[in-house]
Amino acid sequence: MAQRHAQSSARIYWKLVTKSNVRPIYTDIDLSGRVRSTGYDALPLKTVPDHANLEELKKLNFRLIRSRPRTCHVLVDRKTRKIWGFLAGSCWGPSESDGVLRELNEVIESGREYLEDYGCESEANGRGDFMTQPTGFSDGVGRMHPTNFVTKPAVRRVMATITGHRRFKQLARFMSEAFRTFSPDIHRLMRETVLAAQKNDPRLRRPFKQSPWPALTVNFGPRTVCLPHVDFLNFAAGWCGITALGDFDPKRGGHLVLWELGLVIQFPPGHTILIPSALVTHSNVDVAEYETRYSFTQYAAGSLFRTIANGSMTNKMFFEDRKMTRSQTKAWLESSTTWEDSVDMLRCWV
């Protein structure tokens, strides 16, 4: 039954995207200076912008992108016409969206209360003052190979409830279809990389079979407002899928701010946006104290792609296996075309 619901979600999406008016948002997108020499992940921010409200962003000449029913937007580089992101809208039509959102919010709220009862407050994450928990698998950050996230039993129970819920499965499939529609080659690369990792280690479990992303983070709020940041360990050319949930007024708060692009985007509950989160500094506009905001985010670590490309080895293991000197290692890194090859895989808006 759940699988049929997920498949119907994809069909609904295709129906909407072919009948809706897909509009380009032209902007100047030059992110090559943010990428590490290997081309798989990004550099941390040297300077972090101050958190800003709508009035302050208006004074900084940010362009407001309003949400419109049945309308999707692609983020297009003005010079190259490459598509760098997608504002996918909602998985559900107006007749069912309110009921579905209540259902999803109740699952997250119940999960947060359960985690609080078991003392499972998340560690400080540098992104804001809210509870966050992951599931799935990742690579890098001291790992010698891809591994599942290690969490407490209570966290595993809550995340299993979310990933097993038919509406969240539907949402995961919708995000995947949105990704595949406007970045099919990167979608395929991610899917093949993740499947290769799982073939090497069958213990690895991604959150959703309907989705290519190997990792999911749920931000339980109760008011998820991210401070300006980049997820620099994510795959540089990959898109991170973000869905806003909760109960808030999207005209007053909860907007997604894309700092390098000068955009502030209305981000209503139930809507999905896909961006290269490793490269673009992003944050949220505050919501009111009496409102709630959660988010559901799928992503992939850049180190995972590097490990699979190296034959299931870290860079250090790869260099040692080939007995490369320091100068040879430097030359190898400098000659890498991973980033350029990834950019070539992005589709153009025509």
C-alpha atoms as a PDB file:
ATOM      1  CA  MET A   1       0.000   0.000   0.000  1.00  0.00           C
ATOM      2  CA  ALA A   2       2.736   2.485   0.976  1.00  0.00           C
ATOM      3  CA  GLN A   3       4.622   1.746  -2.243  1.00  0.00           C
ATOM      4  CA  ARG A   4       1.512   2.501  -4.312  1.00  0.00           C
ATOM      5  CA  HIS A   5       1.086   5.818  -2.503  1.00  0.00           C
ATOM      6  CA  ALA A   6       4.726   6.701  -3.229  1.00  0.00           C
ATOM      7  CA  GLN A   7       4.298   5.847  -6.896  1.00  0.00           C
ATOM      8  CA  SER A   8       1.105   7.898  -7.140  1.00  0.00           C
ATOM      9  CA  SER A   9       3.055  10.818  -5.685  1.00  0.00           C
ATOM     10  CA  ALA A  10       5.473  10.634  -8.610  1.00  0.00           C
ATOM     11  CA  ARG A  11       2.602  10.532 -11.115  1.00  0.00           C
ATOM     12  CA  ILE A  12       0.960  13.529  -9.439  1.00  0.00           C
ATOM     13  CA  TYR A  13       4.254  15.374  -9.638  1.00  0.00           C
ATOM     14  CA  TRP A  14       4.710  14.717 -13.342  1.00  0.00           C
ATOM     15  CA  LYS A  15       1.150  15.849 -14.012  1.00  0.00           C
ATOM     16  CA  LEU A  16       1.726  19.089 -12.120  1.00  0.00           C
ATOM     17  CA  VAL A  17       5.140  19.867 -13.541  1.00  0.00           C
ATOM     18  CA  THR A  18       4.031  19.381 -17.137  1.00  0.00           C
ATOM     19  CA  LYS A  19       0.911  21.501 -16.696  1.00  0.00           C
ATOM     20  CA  SER A  20       2.359  24.185 -14.456  1.00  0.00           C
ATOM     21  CA  ASN A  21       4.316  27.202 -15.550  1.00  0.00           C
ATOM     22  CA  VAL A  22       7.971  26.413 -14.809  1.00  0.00           C
ATOM     23  CA  ARG A  23       9.674  29.786 -14.575  1.00  0.00           C
ATOM     24  CA  PRO A  24      13.394  30.549 -14.548  1.00  0.00           C
ATOM     25  CA  ILE A  25      14.976  32.749 -11.897  1.00  0.00           C
ATOM     26  CA  TYR A  26      18.051  34.215 -13.549  1.00  0.00           C
ATOM     27  CA  THR A  27      20.940  35.138 -11.299  1.00  0.00           C
ATOM     28  CA  ASP A  28      24.735  35.190 -11.310  1.00  0.00           C
ATOM     29  CA  ILE A  29      25.975  31.851  -9.984  1.00  0.00           C
ATOM     30  CA  ASP A  30      29.753  31.449  -9.773  1.00  0.00           C
ATOM     31  CA  LEU A  31      30.544  28.985  -7.011  1.00  0.00           C
ATOM     32  CA  SER A  32      33.782  27.432  -8.283  1.00  0.00           C
ATOM     33  CA  GLY A  33      35.866  29.298  -5.696  1.00  0.00           C
ATOM     34  CA  ARG A  34      34.021  27.491  -2.904  1.00  0.00           C
ATOM     35  CA  VAL A  35      35.039  23.968  -3.991  1.00  0.00           C
ATOM     36  CA  ARG A  36      37.897  21.933  -2.504  1.00  0.00           C
ATOM     37  CA  SER A  37      40.706  20.771  -4.791  1.00  0.00           C
ATOM     38  CA  THR A  38      39.284  17.238  -4.952  1.00  0.00           C
ATOM     39  CA  GLY A  39      36.019  18.606  -6.364  1.00  0.00           C
ATOM     40  CA  TYR A  40      33.817  16.510  -4.092  1.00  0.00           C
ATOM     41  CA  ASP A  41      33.014  18.874  -1.246  1.00  0.00           C
ATOM     42  CA  ALA A  42      33.387  22.539  -0.350  1.00  0.00           C
ATOM     43  CA  LEU A  43      35.371  24.911   1.819  1.00  0.00           C
ATOM     44  CA  PRO A  44      33.931  26.286   5.062  1.00  0.00           C
ATOM     45  CA  LEU A  45      32.869  29.912   5.097  1.00  0.00           C
ATOM     46  CA  LYS A  46      35.583  32.426   5.909  1.00  0.00           C
ATOM     47  CA  THR A  47      33.035  35.105   6.745  1.00  0.00           C
ATOM     48  CA  VAL A  48      29.528  34.282   7.951  1.00  0.00           C
ATOM     49  CA  PRO A  49      26.846  36.911   7.257  1.00  0.00           C
ATOM     50  CA  ASP A  50      24.735  38.183  10.136  1.00  0.00           C
ATOM     51  CA  HIS A  51      21.287  36.685  10.573  1.00  0.00           C
ATOM     52  CA  ALA A  52      18.764  39.058   8.988  1.00  0.00           C
ATOM     53  CA  ASN A  53      15.013  39.685   8.942  1.00  0.00           C
ATOM     54  CA  LEU A  54      12.914  40.584   5.916  1.00  0.00           C
ATOM     55  CA  GLU A  55      13.316  44.334   6.321  1.00  0.00           C
ATOM     56  CA  GLU A  56      17.087  44.036   6.584  1.00  0.00           C
ATOM     57  CA  LEU A  57      17.238  41.798   3.528  1.00  0.00           C
ATOM     58  CA  LYS A  58      15.122  44.294   1.612  1.00  0.00           C
ATOM     59  CA  LYS A  59      17.628  47.030   2.470  1.00  0.00           C
ATOM     60  CA  LEU A  60      20.376  44.750   1.148  1.00  0.00           C
ATOM     61  CA  ASN A  61      18.467  44.617  -2.180  1.00  0.00           C
ATOM     62  CA  PHE A  62      17.604  40.929  -1.937  1.00  0.00           C
ATOM     63  CA  ARG A  63      15.026  39.843  -4.494  1.00  0.00           C
ATOM     64  CA  LEU A  64      11.819  38.371  -3.029  1.00  0.00           C
ATOM     65  CA  ILE A  65      10.539  35.235  -4.773  1.00  0.00           C
ATOM     66  CA  ARG A  66       6.880  34.694  -3.942  1.00  0.00           C
ATOM     67  CA  SER A  67       5.290  31.276  -3.790  1.00  0.00           C
ATOM     68  CA  ARG A  68       2.492  30.696  -6.299  1.00  0.00           C
ATOM     69  CA  PRO A  69       0.201  27.657  -6.578  1.00  0.00           C
ATOM     70  CA  ARG A  70       1.066  25.243  -9.375  1.00  0.00           C
ATOM     71  CA  THR A  71       4.204  27.210 -10.247  1.00  0.00           C
ATOM     72  CA  CYS A  72       7.743  25.856 -10.068  1.00  0.00           C
ATOM     73  CA  HIS A  73      10.990  27.784 -10.477  1.00  0.00           C
ATOM     74  CA  VAL A  74      14.456  26.788 -11.624  1.00  0.00           C
ATOM     75  CA  LEU A  75      17.568  28.669 -10.469  1.00  0.00           C
ATOM     76  CA  VAL A  76      19.483  29.500 -13.645  1.00  0.00           C
ATOM     77  CA  ASP A  77      22.930  31.025 -14.063  1.00  0.00           C
ATOM     78  CA  ARG A  78      22.519  34.058 -16.285  1.00  0.00           C
ATOM     79  CA  LYS A  79      25.777  33.435 -18.172  1.00  0.00           C
ATOM     80  CA  THR A  80      25.921  29.661 -18.661  1.00  0.00           C
ATOM     81  CA  ARG A  81      22.170  28.929 -18.346  1.00  0.00           C
ATOM     82  CA  LYS A  82      23.046  25.988 -16.103  1.00  0.00           C
ATOM     83  CA  ILE A  83      20.293  24.923 -13.685  1.00  0.00           C
ATOM     84  CA  TRP A  84      21.597  25.064 -10.106  1.00  0.00           C
ATOM     85  CA  GLY A  85      18.443  24.456  -8.115  1.00  0.00           C
ATOM     86  CA  PHE A  86      14.717  23.898  -8.215  1.00  0.00           C
ATOM     87  CA  LEU A  87      11.773  25.317  -6.284  1.00  0.00           C
ATOM     88  CA  ALA A  88       9.477  22.322  -6.660  1.00  0.00           C
ATOM     89  CA  GLY A  89       6.362  23.493  -4.822  1.00  0.00           C
ATOM     90  CA  SER A  90       4.148  21.015  -2.993  1.00  0.00           C
ATOM     91  CA  CYS A  91       3.706  17.290  -3.451  1.00  0.00           C
ATOM     92  CA  TRP A  92       0.011  17.560  -2.637  1.00  0.00           C
ATOM     93  CA  GLY A  93      -2.820  19.480  -4.215  1.00  0.00           C
ATOM     94  CA  PRO A  94      -4.907  22.110  -2.379  1.00  0.00           C
ATOM     95  CA  SER A  95      -7.705  19.667  -1.582  1.00  0.00           C
ATOM     96  CA  GLU A  96      -5.487  17.395   0.542  1.00  0.00           C
ATOM     97  CA  SER A  97      -2.475  19.489   1.558  1.00  0.00           C
ATOM     98  CA  ASP A  98      -3.934  20.777   4.848  1.00  0.00           C
ATOM     99  CA  GLY A  99      -4.821  17.301   6.054  1.00  0.00           C
ATOM    100  CA  VAL A 100      -1.476  15.825   5.007  1.00  0.00           C
ATOM    101  CA  LEU A 101       0.454  18.630   6.700  1.00  0.00           C
ATOM    102  CA  ARG A 102      -1.434  18.080   9.951  1.00  0.00           C
ATOM    103  CA  GLU A 103      -0.568  14.393   9.723  1.00  0.00           C
ATOM    104  CA  LEU A 104       3.147  15.040   9.105  1.00  0.00           C
ATOM    105  CA  ASN A 105       3.346  17.703  11.806  1.00  0.00           C
ATOM    106  CA  GLU A 106       1.740  15.375  14.345  1.00  0.00           C
ATOM    107  CA  VAL A 107       4.332  12.680  13.602  1.00  0.00           C
ATOM    108  CA  ILE A 108       7.208  15.124  14.111  1.00  0.00           C
ATOM    109  CA  GLU A 109       5.683  16.690  17.232  1.00  0.00           C
ATOM    110  CA  SER A 110       5.079  13.266  18.777  1.00  0.00           C
ATOM    111  CA  GLY A 111       8.623  12.281  17.886  1.00  0.00           C
ATOM    112  CA  ARG A 112      10.089  15.384  19.503  1.00  0.00           C
ATOM    113  CA  GLU A 113       8.109  14.821  22.713  1.00  0.00           C
ATOM    114  CA  TYR A 114       9.242  11.190  22.814  1.00  0.00           C
ATOM    115  CA  LEU A 115      12.898  12.194  22.335  1.00  0.00           C
ATOM    116  CA  GLU A 116      12.631  14.838  25.041  1.00  0.00           C
ATOM    117  CA  ASP A 117      11.172  12.269  27.444  1.00  0.00           C
ATOM    118  CA  TYR A 118      14.189  10.026  26.793  1.00  0.00           C
ATOM    119  CA  GLY A 119      16.704  12.866  27.126  1.00  0.00           C
ATOM    120  CA  CYS A 120      17.728  12.737  23.473  1.00  0.00           C
ATOM    121  CA  GLU A 121      18.381  16.422  22.938  1.00  0.00           C
ATOM    122  CA  SER A 122      20.662  16.864  19.922  1.00  0.00           C
ATOM    123  CA  GLU A 123      24.131  18.304  20.315  1.00  0.00           C
ATOM    124  CA  ALA A 124      24.837  21.913  19.355  1.00  0.00           C
ATOM    125  CA  ASN A 125      24.958  22.019  15.558  1.00  0.00           C
ATOM    126  CA  GLY A 126      25.931  25.614  14.834  1.00  0.00           C
ATOM    127  CA  ARG A 127      22.894  26.071  12.619  1.00  0.00           C
ATOM    128  CA  GLY A 128      20.392  27.237  15.206  1.00  0.00           C
ATOM    129  CA  ASP A 129      18.539  26.498  18.422  1.00  0.00           C
ATOM    130  CA  PHE A 130      16.424  23.467  17.551  1.00  0.00           C
ATOM    131  CA  MET A 131      16.437  19.691  17.885  1.00  0.00           C
ATOM    132  CA  THR A 132      17.912  17.773  14.946  1.00  0.00           C
ATOM    133  CA  GLN A 133      18.432  14.033  14.376  1.00  0.00           C
ATOM    134  CA  PRO A 134      19.884  12.051  11.428  1.00  0.00           C
ATOM    135  CA  THR A 135      19.380   8.616   9.938  1.00  0.00           C
ATOM    136  CA  GLY A 136      20.873   6.709   7.022  1.00  0.00           C
ATOM    137  CA  PHE A 137      24.598   6.602   6.301  1.00  0.00           C
ATOM    138  CA  SER A 138      27.452   8.964   5.560  1.00  0.00           C
ATOM    139  CA  ASP A 139      31.221   9.171   5.079  1.00  0.00           C
ATOM    140  CA  GLY A 140      34.093  11.442   6.098  1.00  0.00           C
ATOM    141  CA  VAL A 141      34.562  13.241   9.446  1.00  0.00           C
ATOM    142  CA  GLY A 142      37.032  10.645  10.718  1.00  0.00           C
ATOM    143  CA  ARG A 143      35.341   7.652   9.101  1.00  0.00           C
ATOM    144  CA  MET A 144      37.595   5.173   7.267  1.00  0.00           C
ATOM    145  CA  HIS A 145      34.629   4.011   5.191  1.00  0.00           C
ATOM    146  CA  PRO A 146      30.893   4.756   4.863  1.00  0.00           C
ATOM    147  CA  THR A 147      28.950   3.897   8.015  1.00  0.00           C
ATOM    148  CA  ASN A 148      25.411   4.185   9.315  1.00  0.00           C
ATOM    149  CA  PHE A 149      24.723   7.003  11.745  1.00  0.00           C
ATOM    150  CA  VAL A 150      25.115   5.801  15.325  1.00  0.00           C
ATOM    151  CA  THR A 151      22.232   7.081  17.436  1.00  0.00           C
ATOM    152  CA  LYS A 152      20.423   6.182  20.641  1.00  0.00           C
ATOM    153  CA  PRO A 153      17.649   3.541  20.541  1.00  0.00           C
ATOM    154  CA  ALA A 154      14.955   6.189  21.110  1.00  0.00           C
ATOM    155  CA  VAL A 155      16.242   8.180  18.125  1.00  0.00           C
ATOM    156  CA  ARG A 156      16.262   5.062  15.959  1.00  0.00           C
ATOM    157  CA  ARG A 157      12.651   4.326  16.917  1.00  0.00           C
ATOM    158  CA  VAL A 158      11.470   7.836  16.080  1.00  0.00           C
ATOM    159  CA  MET A 159      13.363   7.985  12.787  1.00  0.00           C
ATOM    160  CA  ALA A 160      12.070   4.516  11.840  1.00  0.00           C
ATOM    161  CA  THR A 161       8.526   5.767  12.432  1.00  0.00           C
ATOM    162  CA  ILE A 162       9.165   8.716  10.125  1.00  0.00           C
ATOM    163  CA  THR A 163      10.868   6.750   7.338  1.00  0.00           C
ATOM    164  CA  GLY A 164       8.182   4.058   7.535  1.00  0.00           C
ATOM    165  CA  HIS A 165       5.268   6.496   7.364  1.00  0.00           C
ATOM    166  CA  ARG A 166       3.457   6.407   4.028  1.00  0.00           C
ATOM    167  CA  ARG A 167       3.238  10.191   3.734  1.00  0.00           C
ATOM    168  CA  PHE A 168       6.960  10.654   4.346  1.00  0.00           C
ATOM    169  CA  LYS A 169       7.652   7.928   1.784  1.00  0.00           C
ATOM    170  CA  GLN A 170       5.454   9.847  -0.605  1.00  0.00           C
ATOM    171  CA  LEU A 171       7.393  13.022   0.123  1.00  0.00           C
ATOM    172  CA  ALA A 172      10.769  11.298  -0.352  1.00  0.00           C
ATOM    173  CA  ARG A 173       9.677   9.989  -3.751  1.00  0.00           C
ATOM    174  CA  PHE A 174       8.403  13.418  -4.735  1.00  0.00           C
ATOM    175  CA  MET A 175      11.754  14.994  -3.831  1.00  0.00           C
ATOM    176  CA  SER A 176      13.557  12.346  -5.865  1.00  0.00           C
ATOM    177  CA  GLU A 177      11.362  12.950  -8.909  1.00  0.00           C
ATOM    178  CA  ALA A 178      11.880  16.696  -8.635  1.00  0.00           C
ATOM    179  CA  PHE A 179      15.651  16.121  -8.493  1.00  0.00           C
ATOM    180  CA  ARG A 180      15.596  13.718 -11.441  1.00  0.00           C
ATOM    181  CA  THR A 181      13.455  16.027 -13.554  1.00  0.00           C
ATOM    182  CA  PHE A 182      15.891  18.942 -13.656  1.00  0.00           C
ATOM    183  CA  SER A 183      19.224  17.285 -12.804  1.00  0.00           C
ATOM    184  CA  PRO A 184      18.953  13.730 -14.148  1.00  0.00           C
ATOM    185  CA  ASP A 185      22.683  13.114 -14.550  1.00  0.00           C
ATOM    186  CA  ILE A 186      23.590  14.161 -11.001  1.00  0.00           C
ATOM    187  CA  HIS A 187      20.599  12.144  -9.758  1.00  0.00           C
ATOM    188  CA  ARG A 188      21.918   9.086 -11.619  1.00  0.00           C
ATOM    189  CA  LEU A 189      25.465   9.639 -10.299  1.00  0.00           C
ATOM    190  CA  MET A 190      24.153   9.847  -6.744  1.00  0.00           C
ATOM    191  CA  ARG A 191      22.008   6.758  -7.103  1.00  0.00           C
ATOM    192  CA  GLU A 192      24.867   4.723  -8.626  1.00  0.00           C
ATOM    193  CA  THR A 193      27.311   5.900  -5.946  1.00  0.00           C
ATOM    194  CA  VAL A 194      24.934   5.058  -3.111  1.00  0.00           C
ATOM    195  CA  LEU A 195      24.119   1.633  -4.567  1.00  0.00           C
ATOM    196  CA  ALA A 196      27.860   0.924  -4.988  1.00  0.00           C
ATOM    197  CA  ALA A 197      28.451   1.783  -1.334  1.00  0.00           C
ATOM    198  CA  GLN A 198      25.609  -0.511  -0.273  1.00  0.00           C
ATOM    199  CA  LYS A 199      26.941  -3.303  -2.472  1.00  0.00           C
ATOM    200  CA  ASN A 200      30.335  -2.978  -0.770  1.00  0.00           C
ATOM    201  CA  ASP A 201      28.684  -3.029   2.660  1.00  0.00           C
ATOM    202  CA  PRO A 202      25.137  -4.477   2.786  1.00  0.00           C
ATOM    203  CA  ARG A 203      24.774  -3.182   6.358  1.00  0.00           C
ATOM    204  CA  LEU A 204      24.401   0.362   5.026  1.00  0.00           C
ATOM    205  CA  ARG A 205      20.783   1.517   5.006  1.00  0.00           C
ATOM    206  CA  ARG A 206      19.509   4.589   3.242  1.00  0.00           C
ATOM    207  CA  PRO A 207      16.325   6.124   4.671  1.00  0.00           C
ATOM    208  CA  PHE A 208      14.072   5.534   1.645  1.00  0.00           C
ATOM    209  CA  LYS A 209      14.261   3.036  -1.197  1.00  0.00           C
ATOM    210  CA  GLN A 210      12.308   5.543  -3.291  1.00  0.00           C
ATOM    211  CA  SER A 211      15.100   8.112  -2.998  1.00  0.00           C
ATOM    212  CA  PRO A 212      18.788   8.283  -4.062  1.00  0.00           C
ATOM    213  CA  TRP A 213      19.969  10.254  -1.017  1.00  0.00           C
ATOM    214  CA  PRO A 214      21.814   8.176   1.622  1.00  0.00           C
ATOM    215  CA  ALA A 215      21.056  10.455   4.565  1.00  0.00           C
ATOM    216  CA  LEU A 216      18.104  12.238   6.122  1.00  0.00           C
ATOM    217  CA  THR A 217      18.027  14.831   8.876  1.00  0.00           C
ATOM    218  CA  VAL A 218      14.786  15.876  10.525  1.00  0.00           C
ATOM    219  CA  ASN A 219      14.831  19.223  12.295  1.00  0.00           C
ATOM    220  CA  PHE A 220      12.249  18.842  15.054  1.00  0.00           C
ATOM    221  CA  GLY A 221      12.140  22.498  16.033  1.00  0.00           C
ATOM    222  CA  PRO A 222       9.877  23.514  17.573  1.00  0.00           C
ATOM    223  CA  ARG A 223      11.016  26.609  15.643  1.00  0.00           C
ATOM    224  CA  THR A 224      13.591  25.518  13.077  1.00  0.00           C
ATOM    225  CA  VAL A 225      15.229  28.732  11.922  1.00  0.00           C
ATOM    226  CA  CYS A 226      18.671  28.118  10.462  1.00  0.00           C
ATOM    227  CA  LEU A 227      21.421  30.688  10.859  1.00  0.00           C
ATOM    228  CA  PRO A 228      23.517  31.507   7.762  1.00  0.00           C
ATOM    229  CA  HIS A 229      25.684  28.471   6.957  1.00  0.00           C
ATOM    230  CA  VAL A 230      26.891  26.106   4.259  1.00  0.00           C
ATOM    231  CA  ASP A 231      26.800  22.315   4.523  1.00  0.00           C
ATOM    232  CA  PHE A 232      30.336  22.200   3.153  1.00  0.00           C
ATOM    233  CA  LEU A 233      30.794  18.454   3.709  1.00  0.00           C
ATOM    234  CA  ASN A 234      27.930  17.631   1.329  1.00  0.00           C
ATOM    235  CA  PHE A 235      28.587  16.659  -2.291  1.00  0.00           C
ATOM    236  CA  ALA A 236      29.501  19.931  -3.989  1.00  0.00           C
ATOM    237  CA  ALA A 237      27.541  19.536  -7.224  1.00  0.00           C
ATOM    238  CA  GLY A 238      24.718  17.600  -5.620  1.00  0.00           C
ATOM    239  CA  TRP A 239      21.370  19.000  -4.640  1.00  0.00           C
ATOM    240  CA  CYS A 240      20.104  18.787  -1.097  1.00  0.00           C
ATOM    241  CA  GLY A 241      16.338  18.324  -0.840  1.00  0.00           C
ATOM    242  CA  ILE A 242      14.601  20.432   1.809  1.00  0.00           C
ATOM    243  CA  THR A 243      10.911  20.359   2.717  1.00  0.00           C
ATOM    244  CA  ALA A 244       9.447  22.875   5.166  1.00  0.00           C
ATOM    245  CA  LEU A 245       6.848  21.654   7.651  1.00  0.00           C
ATOM    246  CA  GLY A 246       5.085  23.118  10.672  1.00  0.00           C
ATOM    247  CA  ASP A 247       2.429  25.788  11.154  1.00  0.00           C
ATOM    248  CA  PHE A 248       3.601  29.314  10.291  1.00  0.00           C
ATOM    249  CA  ASP A 249       2.731  32.242   8.040  1.00  0.00           C
ATOM    250  CA  PRO A 250       5.081  31.941   5.016  1.00  0.00           C
ATOM    251  CA  LYS A 251       4.515  35.569   4.042  1.00  0.00           C
ATOM    252  CA  ARG A 252       5.940  36.760   7.357  1.00  0.00           C
ATOM    253  CA  GLY A 253       8.660  34.204   8.093  1.00  0.00           C
ATOM    254  CA  GLY A 254      10.328  30.898   7.322  1.00  0.00           C
ATOM    255  CA  HIS A 255      11.750  32.169   4.011  1.00  0.00           C
ATOM    256  CA  LEU A 256      14.849  30.508   2.563  1.00  0.00           C
ATOM    257  CA  VAL A 257      17.643  33.047   2.094  1.00  0.00           C
ATOM    258  CA  LEU A 258      20.288  32.278  -0.558  1.00  0.00           C
ATOM    259  CA  TRP A 259      23.000  34.779   0.249  1.00  0.00           C
ATOM    260  CA  GLU A 260      25.358  34.596  -2.744  1.00  0.00           C
ATOM    261  CA  LEU A 261      22.388  34.711  -5.109  1.00  0.00           C
ATOM    262  CA  GLY A 262      20.702  37.654  -3.399  1.00  0.00           C
ATOM    263  CA  LEU A 263      17.396  35.782  -3.113  1.00  0.00           C
ATOM    264  CA  VAL A 264      14.865  35.487  -0.302  1.00  0.00           C
ATOM    265  CA  ILE A 265      12.311  32.810  -1.173  1.00  0.00           C
ATOM    266  CA  GLN A 266       8.887  32.265   0.373  1.00  0.00           C
ATOM    267  CA  PHE A 267       8.958  28.700   1.688  1.00  0.00           C
ATOM    268  CA  PRO A 268       5.462  27.591   2.794  1.00  0.00           C
ATOM    269  CA  PRO A 269       4.822  24.445   4.839  1.00  0.00           C
ATOM    270  CA  GLY A 270       4.757  21.409   2.556  1.00  0.00           C
ATOM    271  CA  HIS A 271       6.906  22.967  -0.157  1.00  0.00           C
ATOM    272  CA  THR A 272      10.191  21.475  -1.361  1.00  0.00           C
ATOM    273  CA  ILE A 273      13.328  23.274  -2.539  1.00  0.00           C
ATOM    274  CA  LEU A 274      16.498  21.688  -3.933  1.00  0.00           C
ATOM    275  CA  ILE A 275      19.809  23.584  -3.752  1.00  0.00           C
ATOM    276  CA  PRO A 276      23.572  22.874  -3.749  1.00  0.00           C
ATOM    277  CA  SER A 277      23.726  23.319   0.013  1.00  0.00           C
ATOM    278  CA  ALA A 278      27.488  22.727   0.175  1.00  0.00           C
ATOM    279  CA  LEU A 279      28.145  25.846  -1.883  1.00  0.00           C
ATOM    280  CA  VAL A 280      25.377  28.382  -1.293  1.00  0.00           C
ATOM    281  CA  THR A 281      25.145  30.119   2.075  1.00  0.00           C
ATOM    282  CA  HIS A 282      21.564  29.656   3.247  1.00  0.00           C
ATOM    283  CA  SER A 283      19.421  30.531   6.235  1.00  0.00           C
ATOM    284  CA  ASN A 284      15.825  31.129   7.282  1.00  0.00           C
ATOM    285  CA  VAL A 285      13.869  34.200   8.258  1.00  0.00           C
ATOM    286  CA  ASP A 286      12.525  34.015  11.822  1.00  0.00           C
ATOM    287  CA  VAL A 287       9.017  32.739  12.522  1.00  0.00           C
ATOM    288  CA  ALA A 288       6.836  34.015  15.364  1.00  0.00           C
ATOM    289  CA  GLU A 289       7.259  32.617  18.879  1.00  0.00           C
ATOM    290  CA  TYR A 290       3.776  31.088  18.786  1.00  0.00           C
ATOM    291  CA  GLU A 291       4.443  29.348  15.438  1.00  0.00           C
ATOM    292  CA  THR A 292       6.147  26.046  14.682  1.00  0.00           C
ATOM    293  CA  ARG A 293       8.543  25.204  11.890  1.00  0.00           C
ATOM    294  CA  TYR A 294      10.188  21.870  11.106  1.00  0.00           C
ATOM    295  CA  SER A 295      12.203  20.659   8.143  1.00  0.00           C
ATOM    296  CA  PHE A 296      12.883  17.373   6.400  1.00  0.00           C
ATOM    297  CA  THR A 297      16.235  17.292   4.576  1.00  0.00           C
ATOM    298  CA  GLN A 298      17.855  14.662   2.342  1.00  0.00           C
ATOM    299  CA  TYR A 299      21.538  14.942   1.424  1.00  0.00           C
ATOM    300  CA  ALA A 300      24.777  13.109   0.567  1.00  0.00           C
ATOM    301  CA  ALA A 301      28.325  13.567   1.858  1.00  0.00           C
ATOM    302  CA  GLY A 302      30.972  14.492  -0.698  1.00  0.00           C
ATOM    303  CA  SER A 303      33.389  12.019   0.894  1.00  0.00           C
ATOM    304  CA  LEU A 304      31.084   9.185  -0.117  1.00  0.00           C
ATOM    305  CA  PHE A 305      31.582   9.995  -3.806  1.00  0.00           C
ATOM    306  CA  ARG A 306      35.345  10.311  -3.339  1.00  0.00           C
ATOM    307  CA  THR A 307      35.568   6.966  -1.511  1.00  0.00           C
ATOM    308  CA  ILE A 308      33.651   5.118  -4.228  1.00  0.00           C
ATOM    309  CA  ALA A 309      35.656   6.817  -7.012  1.00  0.00           C
ATOM    310  CA  ASN A 310      38.870   5.735  -5.220  1.00  0.00           C
ATOM    311  CA  GLY A 311      37.802   2.098  -5.203  1.00  0.00           C
ATOM    312  CA  SER A 312      36.377   2.166  -1.657  1.00  0.00           C
ATOM    313  CA  MET A 313      39.415   3.951  -0.229  1.00  0.00           C
ATOM    314  CA  THR A 314      39.964   7.285   1.472  1.00  0.00           C
ATOM    315  CA  ASN A 315      42.369   9.656  -0.262  1.00  0.00           C
ATOM    316  CA  LYS A 316      45.095   8.743   2.231  1.00  0.00           C
ATOM    317  CA  MET A 317      44.623   5.028   1.565  1.00  0.00           C
ATOM    318  CA  PHE A 318      44.465   5.704  -2.179  1.00  0.00           C
ATOM    319  CA  PHE A 319      47.769   7.612  -2.189  1.00  0.00           C
ATOM    320  CA  GLU A 320      49.500   5.057   0.039  1.00  0.00           C
ATOM    321  CA  ASP A 321      48.245   2.188  -2.113  1.00  0.00           C
ATOM    322  CA  ARG A 322      49.898   3.794  -5.138  1.00  0.00           C
ATOM    323  CA  LYS A 323      53.014   4.780  -3.170  1.00  0.00           C
ATOM    324  CA  MET A 324      52.663   8.389  -4.338  1.00  0.00           C
ATOM    325  CA  THR A 325      55.109  11.005  -3.112  1.00  0.00           C
ATOM    326  CA  ARG A 326      53.935  14.327  -1.715  1.00  0.00           C
ATOM    327  CA  SER A 327      54.683  16.097  -5.004  1.00  0.00           C
ATOM    328  CA  GLN A 328      52.850  13.399  -6.954  1.00  0.00           C
ATOM    329  CA  THR A 329      49.887  13.706  -4.619  1.00  0.00           C
ATOM    330  CA  LYS A 330      49.804  17.478  -5.100  1.00  0.00           C
ATOM    331  CA  ALA A 331      49.998  17.127  -8.882  1.00  0.00           C
ATOM    332  CA  TRP A 332      47.231  14.525  -8.838  1.00  0.00           C
ATOM    333  CA  LEU A 333      44.942  16.794  -6.830  1.00  0.00           C
ATOM    334  CA  GLU A 334      45.689  19.815  -9.015  1.00  0.00           C
ATOM    335  CA  SER A 335      44.903  17.838 -12.164  1.00  0.00           C
ATOM    336  CA  SER A 336      41.537  16.664 -10.844  1.00  0.00           C
ATOM    337  CA  THR A 337      38.611  17.523 -13.120  1.00  0.00           C
ATOM    338  CA  THR A 338      35.943  16.192 -10.754  1.00  0.00           C
ATOM    339  CA  TRP A 339      34.337  19.602 -10.268  1.00  0.00           C
ATOM    340  CA  GLU A 340      34.384  20.491 -13.966  1.00  0.00           C
ATOM    341  CA  ASP A 341      32.973  17.084 -14.867  1.00  0.00           C
ATOM    342  CA  SER A 342      30.206  17.529 -12.299  1.00  0.00           C
ATOM    343  CA  VAL A 343      29.277  20.970 -13.636  1.00  0.00           C
ATOM    344  CA  ASP A 344      29.136  19.517 -17.150  1.00  0.00           C
ATOM    345  CA  MET A 345      26.471  17.131 -15.854  1.00  0.00           C
ATOM    346  CA  LEU A 346      24.155  19.994 -14.906  1.00  0.00           C
ATOM    347  CA  ARG A 347      21.402  20.619 -17.436  1.00  0.00           C
ATOM    348  CA  CYS A 348      20.852  23.942 -19.191  1.00  0.00           C
ATOM    349  CA  TRP A 349      17.639  25.937 -19.298  1.00  0.00           C
ATOM    350  CA  VAL A 350      16.498  26.362 -22.894  1.00  0.00           C
END
